[in-house]
Amino acid sequence: MIVPIVGALFVCYFLVHAFHGDRGVIAWMHLQKQVSVAEQTLSETQTVRTDYDRRISLLRSEHLDADMLDERARIMAGLVRPDEFIVLDSEAALDR
């Protein structure tokens, strides 16, 4: 009678650790959740970087866009000509 009980306890021990151990099912599900959050962060970061790369390419000497350069210089220096109007877009300003 003792051998089946010890065997059952042995099997139960491994089943509990298969779910709750460091490499168990619950730990695996938690790790999968972390991977999905990291992939989402990576996707958002790549989108931002692509936008920055596009904007930077406009400022390179071989592709220098005078309007882009003028816009950035005015924004950074806070300069406005007397015949200009300033229209602020708070959402666009946050993107920069």
C-alpha atoms as a PDB file:
ATOM      1  CA  MET A   1       0.000   0.000   0.000  1.00  0.00           C
ATOM      2  CA  ILE A   2       2.904   2.372   0.655  1.00  0.00           C
ATOM      3  CA  VAL A   3       4.348   2.100  -2.857  1.00  0.00           C
ATOM      4  CA  PRO A   4       1.212   3.445  -4.628  1.00  0.00           C
ATOM      5  CA  ILE A   5       0.938   6.306  -2.094  1.00  0.00           C
ATOM      6  CA  VAL A   6       4.613   7.272  -2.555  1.00  0.00           C
ATOM      7  CA  GLY A   7       4.171   7.008  -6.322  1.00  0.00           C
ATOM      8  CA  ALA A   8       1.059   9.214  -6.225  1.00  0.00           C
ATOM      9  CA  LEU A   9       2.890  11.793  -4.065  1.00  0.00           C
ATOM     10  CA  PHE A  10       5.816  11.675  -6.480  1.00  0.00           C
ATOM     11  CA  VAL A  11       3.523  12.336  -9.459  1.00  0.00           C
ATOM     12  CA  CYS A  12       1.675  15.121  -7.561  1.00  0.00           C
ATOM     13  CA  TYR A  13       4.996  16.775  -6.705  1.00  0.00           C
ATOM     14  CA  PHE A  14       5.972  16.968 -10.376  1.00  0.00           C
ATOM     15  CA  LEU A  15       2.505  18.102 -11.453  1.00  0.00           C
ATOM     16  CA  VAL A  16       2.520  20.982  -8.957  1.00  0.00           C
ATOM     17  CA  HIS A  17       5.949  22.102 -10.118  1.00  0.00           C
ATOM     18  CA  ALA A  18       4.901  21.730 -13.756  1.00  0.00           C
ATOM     19  CA  PHE A  19       2.333  24.470 -13.133  1.00  0.00           C
ATOM     20  CA  HIS A  20       3.824  26.618 -10.367  1.00  0.00           C
ATOM     21  CA  GLY A  21       7.562  26.132 -10.742  1.00  0.00           C
ATOM     22  CA  ASP A  22      10.132  28.525 -12.181  1.00  0.00           C
ATOM     23  CA  ARG A  23       9.669  26.936 -15.603  1.00  0.00           C
ATOM     24  CA  GLY A  24       6.026  25.937 -15.186  1.00  0.00           C
ATOM     25  CA  VAL A  25       2.962  26.722 -17.251  1.00  0.00           C
ATOM     26  CA  ILE A  26       2.071  29.844 -15.241  1.00  0.00           C
ATOM     27  CA  ALA A  27       5.615  31.210 -15.556  1.00  0.00           C
ATOM     28  CA  TRP A  28       5.502  30.483 -19.295  1.00  0.00           C
ATOM     29  CA  MET A  29       2.204  32.398 -19.659  1.00  0.00           C
ATOM     30  CA  HIS A  30       3.693  35.342 -17.741  1.00  0.00           C
ATOM     31  CA  LEU A  31       6.750  35.291 -19.995  1.00  0.00           C
ATOM     32  CA  GLN A  32       4.553  35.231 -23.122  1.00  0.00           C
ATOM     33  CA  LYS A  33       2.717  38.310 -21.828  1.00  0.00           C
ATOM     34  CA  GLN A  34       6.040  40.115 -21.308  1.00  0.00           C
ATOM     35  CA  VAL A  35       7.148  39.162 -24.836  1.00  0.00           C
ATOM     36  CA  SER A  36       3.939  40.544 -26.340  1.00  0.00           C
ATOM     37  CA  VAL A  37       4.341  43.844 -24.434  1.00  0.00           C
ATOM     38  CA  ALA A  38       7.978  44.071 -25.566  1.00  0.00           C
ATOM     39  CA  GLU A  39       6.995  43.416 -29.204  1.00  0.00           C
ATOM     40  CA  GLN A  40       4.365  46.160 -29.010  1.00  0.00           C
ATOM     41  CA  THR A  41       6.924  48.580 -27.554  1.00  0.00           C
ATOM     42  CA  LEU A  42       9.365  47.624 -30.317  1.00  0.00           C
ATOM     43  CA  SER A  43       6.743  48.280 -32.980  1.00  0.00           C
ATOM     44  CA  GLU A  44       5.936  51.720 -31.541  1.00  0.00           C
ATOM     45  CA  THR A  45       9.633  52.572 -31.243  1.00  0.00           C
ATOM     46  CA  GLN A  46      10.301  51.519 -34.840  1.00  0.00           C
ATOM     47  CA  THR A  47       7.436  53.732 -36.021  1.00  0.00           C
ATOM     48  CA  VAL A  48       8.859  56.727 -34.163  1.00  0.00           C
ATOM     49  CA  ARG A  49      12.346  56.022 -35.471  1.00  0.00           C
ATOM     50  CA  THR A  50      11.100  55.739 -39.039  1.00  0.00           C
ATOM     51  CA  ASP A  51       9.421  59.127 -38.682  1.00  0.00           C
ATOM     52  CA  TYR A  52      12.605  60.658 -37.260  1.00  0.00           C
ATOM     53  CA  ASP A  53      14.720  59.095 -40.025  1.00  0.00           C
ATOM     54  CA  ARG A  54      12.398  60.567 -42.646  1.00  0.00           C
ATOM     55  CA  ARG A  55      12.561  64.021 -41.050  1.00  0.00           C
ATOM     56  CA  ILE A  56      16.345  63.836 -40.666  1.00  0.00           C
ATOM     57  CA  SER A  57      16.771  62.808 -44.300  1.00  0.00           C
ATOM     58  CA  LEU A  58      15.075  66.068 -45.279  1.00  0.00           C
ATOM     59  CA  LEU A  59      17.809  67.989 -43.452  1.00  0.00           C
ATOM     60  CA  ARG A  60      20.755  66.263 -45.131  1.00  0.00           C
ATOM     61  CA  SER A  61      22.830  68.440 -47.423  1.00  0.00           C
ATOM     62  CA  GLU A  62      22.081  66.445 -50.579  1.00  0.00           C
ATOM     63  CA  HIS A  63      18.310  66.601 -49.919  1.00  0.00           C
ATOM     64  CA  LEU A  64      18.112  69.862 -48.011  1.00  0.00           C
ATOM     65  CA  ASP A  65      14.539  71.077 -47.955  1.00  0.00           C
ATOM     66  CA  ALA A  66      14.628  74.841 -47.426  1.00  0.00           C
ATOM     67  CA  ASP A  67      11.075  74.961 -46.084  1.00  0.00           C
ATOM     68  CA  MET A  68      11.811  72.253 -43.527  1.00  0.00           C
ATOM     69  CA  LEU A  69      14.998  73.996 -42.448  1.00  0.00           C
ATOM     70  CA  ASP A  70      13.217  77.344 -42.164  1.00  0.00           C
ATOM     71  CA  GLU A  71      10.374  75.779 -40.165  1.00  0.00           C
ATOM     72  CA  ARG A  72      12.697  74.056 -37.709  1.00  0.00           C
ATOM     73  CA  ALA A  73      14.891  77.157 -37.284  1.00  0.00           C
ATOM     74  CA  ARG A  74      11.861  79.320 -36.546  1.00  0.00           C
ATOM     75  CA  ILE A  75      10.418  76.833 -34.080  1.00  0.00           C
ATOM     76  CA  MET A  76      13.720  76.380 -32.249  1.00  0.00           C
ATOM     77  CA  ALA A  77      14.544  80.111 -32.154  1.00  0.00           C
ATOM     78  CA  GLY A  78      10.983  81.316 -31.614  1.00  0.00           C
ATOM     79  CA  LEU A  79      11.273  83.849 -34.455  1.00  0.00           C
ATOM     80  CA  VAL A  80       8.370  85.134 -36.506  1.00  0.00           C
ATOM     81  CA  ARG A  81       8.245  87.699 -39.290  1.00  0.00           C
ATOM     82  CA  PRO A  82       5.923  90.666 -38.754  1.00  0.00           C
ATOM     83  CA  ASP A  83       3.650  89.580 -41.632  1.00  0.00           C
ATOM     84  CA  GLU A  84       3.208  85.985 -40.379  1.00  0.00           C
ATOM     85  CA  PHE A  85       0.534  84.395 -38.228  1.00  0.00           C
ATOM     86  CA  ILE A  86       1.263  81.561 -35.801  1.00  0.00           C
ATOM     87  CA  VAL A  87      -1.179  78.670 -35.699  1.00  0.00           C
ATOM     88  CA  LEU A  88      -0.362  76.272 -32.877  1.00  0.00           C
ATOM     89  CA  ASP A  89      -1.423  72.687 -33.094  1.00  0.00           C
ATOM     90  CA  SER A  90      -0.883  71.158 -29.667  1.00  0.00           C
ATOM     91  CA  GLU A  91      -1.019  67.585 -30.965  1.00  0.00           C
ATOM     92  CA  ALA A  92       1.576  68.232 -33.689  1.00  0.00           C
ATOM     93  CA  ALA A  93       3.800  70.072 -31.218  1.00  0.00           C
ATOM     94  CA  LEU A  94       3.777  67.046 -28.916  1.00  0.00           C
ATOM     95  CA  ASP A  95       4.859  64.768 -31.779  1.00  0.00           C
ATOM     96  CA  ARG A  96       8.010  66.778 -32.286  1.00  0.00           C
END
